[in-house]
Amino acid sequence: MNTKELKVNYKKLLNKASQAIGRKETVSYLNRAAKIKSKLYTTTKVNCFRCKGAGFLRVSLDETKTCLSCFGKGFLIKEYQQL
């Protein structure tokens, strides 16, 4: 599934969860939506262009500093339009 299909399925599950009657039904829809959201998140990660995914920049042989572009995470998140 591509990101567009995942977004559509995520939207549908959230709509079903808001219209659900029982607690168990609502929780099951929200759990499925959480799985889809994690898939969306993993496909939107991009390695940082400054530190190349390391999370730090080497200043000298003995010193490293945290990359301020990715804040030490090593990846950036692409900005997509709101669901």
Protein backbone atom coordinates (compact mmCIF):
# COMPACT_ATOMS: atom_id res chain seq x y z
CA MET A 1 0.00 0.00 0.00
CA ASN A 2 1.26 3.44 -0.82
CA THR A 3 0.99 6.46 1.46
CA LYS A 4 -2.15 7.74 -0.22
CA GLU A 5 -4.03 4.49 0.41
CA LEU A 6 -2.74 4.38 3.98
CA LYS A 7 -4.00 7.91 4.62
CA VAL A 8 -7.45 7.04 3.23
CA ASN A 9 -7.67 3.91 5.38
CA TYR A 10 -6.51 5.88 8.43
CA LYS A 11 -9.23 8.48 7.85
CA LYS A 12 -11.91 5.80 7.43
CA LEU A 13 -10.91 4.05 10.64
CA LEU A 14 -11.01 7.31 12.60
CA ASN A 15 -14.47 8.06 11.23
CA LYS A 16 -15.67 4.56 12.15
CA ALA A 17 -14.20 4.97 15.65
CA SER A 18 -16.06 8.25 16.17
CA GLN A 19 -19.36 6.60 15.11
CA ALA A 20 -18.81 3.36 17.06
CA ILE A 21 -21.29 2.48 19.80
CA GLY A 22 -19.36 0.30 22.24
CA ARG A 23 -16.02 0.71 23.96
CA LYS A 24 -14.53 -2.50 22.51
CA GLU A 25 -15.49 -1.53 18.99
CA THR A 26 -13.98 1.94 19.41
CA VAL A 27 -10.75 0.57 20.83
CA SER A 28 -10.38 -1.95 18.01
CA TYR A 29 -10.76 0.79 15.36
CA LEU A 30 -8.29 3.03 17.18
CA ASN A 31 -5.74 0.20 17.48
CA ARG A 32 -5.98 -0.50 13.75
CA ALA A 33 -5.57 3.22 13.06
CA ALA A 34 -2.49 3.32 15.30
CA LYS A 35 -0.89 0.52 13.26
CA ILE A 36 -1.51 2.42 10.05
CA LYS A 37 -0.14 5.63 11.54
CA SER A 38 3.07 3.85 12.53
CA LYS A 39 3.44 2.64 8.93
CA LEU A 40 2.92 6.19 7.68
CA TYR A 41 5.50 7.49 10.13
CA THR A 42 8.17 4.99 9.09
CA THR A 43 7.73 5.85 5.41
CA THR A 44 8.08 9.58 6.03
CA LYS A 45 11.49 9.41 7.74
CA VAL A 46 14.39 10.82 5.74
CA ASN A 47 18.05 10.78 6.73
CA CYS A 48 19.33 14.16 7.85
CA PHE A 49 21.19 16.03 5.12
CA ARG A 50 23.81 17.43 7.53
CA CYS A 51 24.75 14.44 9.70
CA LYS A 52 23.73 11.67 7.25
CA GLY A 53 21.69 9.89 9.93
CA ALA A 54 24.34 9.79 12.66
CA GLY A 55 22.69 12.40 14.91
CA PHE A 56 25.92 14.23 15.62
CA LEU A 57 28.53 16.28 13.78
CA ARG A 58 32.22 15.64 14.32
CA VAL A 59 34.02 18.91 15.10
CA SER A 60 37.45 17.40 15.67
CA LEU A 61 38.82 13.95 16.45
CA ASP A 62 37.97 14.29 20.15
CA GLU A 63 34.79 16.36 19.99
CA THR A 64 31.33 15.87 18.55
CA LYS A 65 28.27 18.10 18.71
CA THR A 66 24.59 17.28 18.37
CA CYS A 67 23.18 18.00 14.93
CA LEU A 68 20.74 20.89 15.22
CA SER A 69 18.93 20.08 11.98
CA CYS A 70 17.55 16.78 13.28
CA PHE A 71 18.14 17.48 17.01
CA GLY A 72 20.22 14.33 17.42
CA LYS A 73 17.60 11.95 16.04
CA GLY A 74 19.38 11.29 12.75
CA PHE A 75 16.28 11.67 10.61
CA LEU A 76 13.86 14.34 9.46
CA ILE A 77 10.14 13.96 8.87
CA LYS A 78 8.68 15.04 5.54
CA GLU A 79 5.83 17.46 5.92
CA TYR A 80 2.71 16.11 4.29
CA GLN A 81 -0.66 17.78 4.01
CA GLN A 82 -3.04 17.26 6.90
CA LEU A 83 -5.16 14.10 6.69
